[in-house]
Amino acid sequence: MKITTAAVLINAAMWLGVSAAVITAIVSTGSTAALWFFIIPLFGTVSIKQTEKSKNDKEG
């Protein structure tokens, strides 16, 4: 599995889990105060930074 695929799966699982929890909280309490929990995935999102080698970079 490529690292980018893993990052996408991790992010999707995190957002889906938080979304399910927030929807459940809104339905059970009737209050939209649970929407603040969407801040959690914003801080924990996995990102991959890809860099390209330039011609000036020395290899090996």
Protein backbone atom coordinates (compact mmCIF):
# COMPACT_ATOMS: atom_id res chain seq x y z
CA MET A 1 0.00 0.00 0.00
CA LYS A 2 1.37 3.40 -0.92
CA ILE A 3 1.79 6.01 1.78
CA THR A 4 -0.64 8.36 0.03
CA THR A 5 -3.33 5.68 0.03
CA ALA A 6 -2.74 5.06 3.72
CA ALA A 7 -3.04 8.78 4.47
CA VAL A 8 -6.33 8.98 2.58
CA LEU A 9 -7.71 5.96 4.44
CA ILE A 10 -6.64 7.36 7.82
CA ASN A 11 -8.21 10.74 7.08
CA ALA A 12 -11.43 9.20 5.76
CA ALA A 13 -11.77 6.95 8.82
CA MET A 14 -11.18 9.87 11.15
CA TRP A 15 -13.71 12.16 9.43
CA LEU A 16 -16.34 9.40 9.18
CA GLY A 17 -15.96 8.46 12.83
CA VAL A 18 -16.24 12.06 14.03
CA SER A 19 -19.17 12.67 11.67
CA ALA A 20 -21.04 9.65 13.00
CA ALA A 21 -20.42 10.74 16.59
CA VAL A 22 -21.54 14.32 15.91
CA ILE A 23 -24.69 13.20 14.10
CA THR A 24 -25.53 10.84 16.96
CA ALA A 25 -24.97 13.62 19.50
CA ILE A 26 -27.15 16.07 17.57
CA VAL A 27 -29.96 13.54 17.18
CA SER A 28 -29.89 12.47 20.82
CA THR A 29 -29.52 15.93 22.38
CA GLY A 30 -31.26 18.08 19.81
CA SER A 31 -28.51 20.68 20.17
CA THR A 32 -26.05 21.71 17.49
CA ALA A 33 -23.34 22.39 20.09
CA ALA A 34 -21.68 19.10 19.12
CA LEU A 35 -20.60 20.63 15.82
CA TRP A 36 -17.52 21.96 17.63
CA PHE A 37 -16.12 18.42 17.59
CA PHE A 38 -15.40 18.80 13.88
CA ILE A 39 -12.36 20.79 14.99
CA ILE A 40 -10.69 17.56 16.17
CA PRO A 41 -10.04 16.13 12.65
CA LEU A 42 -8.74 19.49 11.49
CA PHE A 43 -5.85 19.22 13.95
CA GLY A 44 -5.23 15.52 13.38
CA THR A 45 -5.39 15.32 9.59
CA VAL A 46 -2.51 13.33 8.12
CA SER A 47 -0.76 15.04 5.25
CA ILE A 48 1.93 13.84 2.90
CA LYS A 49 4.46 16.29 1.56
CA GLN A 50 5.99 15.23 -1.73
CA THR A 51 9.12 16.90 -3.00
CA GLU A 52 10.77 16.61 -6.34
CA LYS A 53 14.49 16.41 -6.77
CA SER A 54 15.94 19.25 -8.74
CA LYS A 55 18.82 18.88 -11.16
CA ASN A 56 21.15 20.55 -8.64
CA ASP A 57 20.52 17.93 -5.95
CA LYS A 58 23.21 15.29 -5.66
CA GLU A 59 22.08 11.69 -5.75
CA GLY A 60 23.63 9.01 -3.55
